[in-house]
Amino acid sequence: MILKTDTPFKLYCYVDASYAVHVDGKGRTGNVVTLGTGALKIMSVKHNIVTKSSTEAEIVGVSDGMGGNLGLIYLMQEQGYDVQPILYQDNTSAITLMTKGKSTSQRTEHIATRYFLSRIESSRERIS
């Protein structure tokens, strides 16, 4: 396996979730982390809660996946590297909620605040 990196270091985090794909109504999240070429981390995990929409499933997926991603970022920073993490997310509603960091309507006010850990501070141009 060959791992190549961009300079300066950019940690590319790709997260995608599926809504209610299991018999018990729970979703699944996939997470891939790379420095450019070759995956450092690949994860596919069943959600531990039942979500009410695909938007909520995406927010839960990002929140659950970012814990391990933050560990990689902190490890590289402790080794002296200036790491620029980039999160790729494909759900526009989830991006909007994570950018605002709070619920914007009655339909999403039930989402627990812990799922806004991954608040997006960068501009939309960096989010695909």
Protein backbone atom coordinates (compact mmCIF):
# COMPACT_ATOMS: atom_id res chain seq x y z
CA MET A 1 0.00 0.00 0.00
CA ILE A 2 1.31 3.43 -0.95
CA LEU A 3 0.28 6.53 0.99
CA LYS A 4 0.95 9.92 -0.55
CA THR A 5 0.20 13.30 0.98
CA ASP A 6 -0.43 16.84 -0.10
CA THR A 7 1.72 19.66 1.26
CA PRO A 8 0.73 21.27 3.58
CA PHE A 9 -0.92 18.27 5.18
CA LYS A 10 -4.63 18.11 4.50
CA LEU A 11 -6.70 15.44 6.18
CA TYR A 12 -9.61 14.61 3.87
CA CYS A 13 -12.58 13.18 5.79
CA TYR A 14 -15.40 11.67 3.71
CA VAL A 15 -18.57 10.80 5.64
CA ASP A 16 -21.82 9.42 4.28
CA ALA A 17 -24.79 7.90 6.07
CA SER A 18 -27.78 5.85 5.06
CA TYR A 19 -31.15 6.19 6.71
CA ALA A 20 -33.11 3.22 8.16
CA VAL A 21 -31.39 0.45 6.21
CA HIS A 22 -31.47 -2.15 8.99
CA VAL A 23 -34.49 -4.19 10.08
CA ASP A 24 -34.60 -2.35 13.41
CA GLY A 25 -34.82 1.03 11.65
CA LYS A 26 -31.25 2.10 12.36
CA GLY A 27 -28.96 3.63 9.76
CA ARG A 28 -25.33 3.07 8.81
CA THR A 29 -22.37 5.42 8.41
CA GLY A 30 -19.30 5.08 6.23
CA ASN A 31 -16.15 7.11 6.95
CA VAL A 32 -12.92 7.29 4.95
CA VAL A 33 -9.92 9.42 5.93
CA THR A 34 -6.97 10.09 3.65
CA LEU A 35 -4.00 12.45 3.39
CA GLY A 36 -4.25 12.53 -0.39
CA THR A 37 -3.80 9.01 -1.79
CA GLY A 38 -4.49 5.84 0.16
CA ALA A 39 -6.88 5.54 3.07
CA LEU A 40 -5.63 5.94 6.65
CA LYS A 41 -8.97 4.97 8.14
CA ILE A 42 -11.99 3.15 6.75
CA MET A 43 -15.05 2.63 8.89
CA SER A 44 -18.59 1.35 8.39
CA VAL A 45 -20.73 1.36 11.52
CA LYS A 46 -24.38 0.74 12.35
CA HIS A 47 -25.95 3.66 14.22
CA ASN A 48 -26.78 3.04 17.85
CA ILE A 49 -29.97 5.14 17.64
CA VAL A 50 -32.94 5.31 15.29
CA THR A 51 -33.01 8.60 13.40
CA LYS A 52 -36.11 10.36 12.08
CA SER A 53 -34.73 11.52 8.71
CA SER A 54 -31.80 11.20 6.32
CA THR A 55 -30.59 14.64 7.47
CA GLU A 56 -30.47 13.48 11.07
CA ALA A 57 -28.74 10.25 10.00
CA GLU A 58 -26.03 12.32 8.26
CA ILE A 59 -25.53 14.50 11.37
CA VAL A 60 -25.28 11.43 13.60
CA GLY A 61 -22.81 9.87 11.13
CA VAL A 62 -20.57 12.94 11.05
CA SER A 63 -20.65 13.27 14.83
CA ASP A 64 -19.85 9.59 15.42
CA GLY A 65 -17.14 9.53 12.74
CA MET A 66 -15.42 12.77 13.75
CA GLY A 67 -14.31 11.41 17.14
CA GLY A 68 -11.77 9.09 15.55
CA ASN A 69 -10.89 11.68 12.92
CA LEU A 70 -10.07 14.20 15.65
CA GLY A 71 -7.76 11.62 17.19
CA LEU A 72 -5.79 11.45 13.93
CA ILE A 73 -5.66 15.25 13.71
CA TYR A 74 -4.39 15.57 17.31
CA LEU A 75 -1.79 12.83 16.75
CA MET A 76 -0.39 14.59 13.68
CA GLN A 77 -0.40 17.98 15.44
CA GLU A 78 1.52 16.53 18.40
CA GLN A 79 4.14 15.30 15.92
CA GLY A 80 4.59 18.88 14.72
CA TYR A 81 2.53 18.82 11.52
CA ASP A 82 0.19 21.68 10.63
CA VAL A 83 -2.89 19.68 9.62
CA GLN A 84 -5.78 21.22 7.72
CA PRO A 85 -8.82 18.90 8.02
CA ILE A 86 -11.45 19.02 5.28
CA LEU A 87 -14.84 17.37 5.77
CA TYR A 88 -16.76 16.23 2.71
CA GLN A 89 -20.51 15.89 3.21
CA ASP A 90 -23.20 15.50 0.54
CA ASN A 91 -26.43 16.33 2.39
CA THR A 92 -27.30 20.03 1.98
CA SER A 93 -29.72 20.05 4.93
CA ALA A 94 -27.12 18.48 7.21
CA ILE A 95 -24.49 21.00 6.05
CA THR A 96 -26.88 23.86 6.84
CA LEU A 97 -27.66 22.52 10.32
CA MET A 98 -23.99 21.85 11.11
CA THR A 99 -22.98 25.29 9.84
CA LYS A 100 -25.55 27.04 12.06
CA GLY A 101 -24.77 24.71 14.96
CA LYS A 102 -28.36 24.49 16.10
CA SER A 103 -31.80 23.43 15.02
CA THR A 104 -33.58 25.78 12.65
CA SER A 105 -37.11 24.36 12.66
CA GLN A 106 -39.53 22.32 14.74
CA ARG A 107 -38.81 19.29 12.56
CA THR A 108 -35.17 19.18 13.70
CA GLU A 109 -35.28 20.59 17.23
CA HIS A 110 -35.24 17.06 18.70
CA ILE A 111 -31.66 16.47 17.52
CA ALA A 112 -29.46 16.38 20.61
CA THR A 113 -26.82 19.07 20.98
CA ARG A 114 -24.07 16.49 21.17
CA TYR A 115 -24.53 15.93 17.44
CA PHE A 116 -23.41 19.47 16.72
CA LEU A 117 -19.87 18.70 17.91
CA SER A 118 -18.80 18.79 14.28
CA ARG A 119 -19.92 22.35 13.64
CA ILE A 120 -18.64 23.42 10.26
CA GLU A 121 -16.79 26.73 10.37
CA SER A 122 -15.37 26.74 6.84
CA SER A 123 -16.98 28.23 3.78
CA ARG A 124 -19.30 26.22 1.55
CA GLU A 125 -16.69 26.16 -1.24
CA ARG A 126 -14.62 23.70 0.83
CA ILE A 127 -17.61 21.42 1.43
CA SER A 128 -18.65 19.08 -1.34
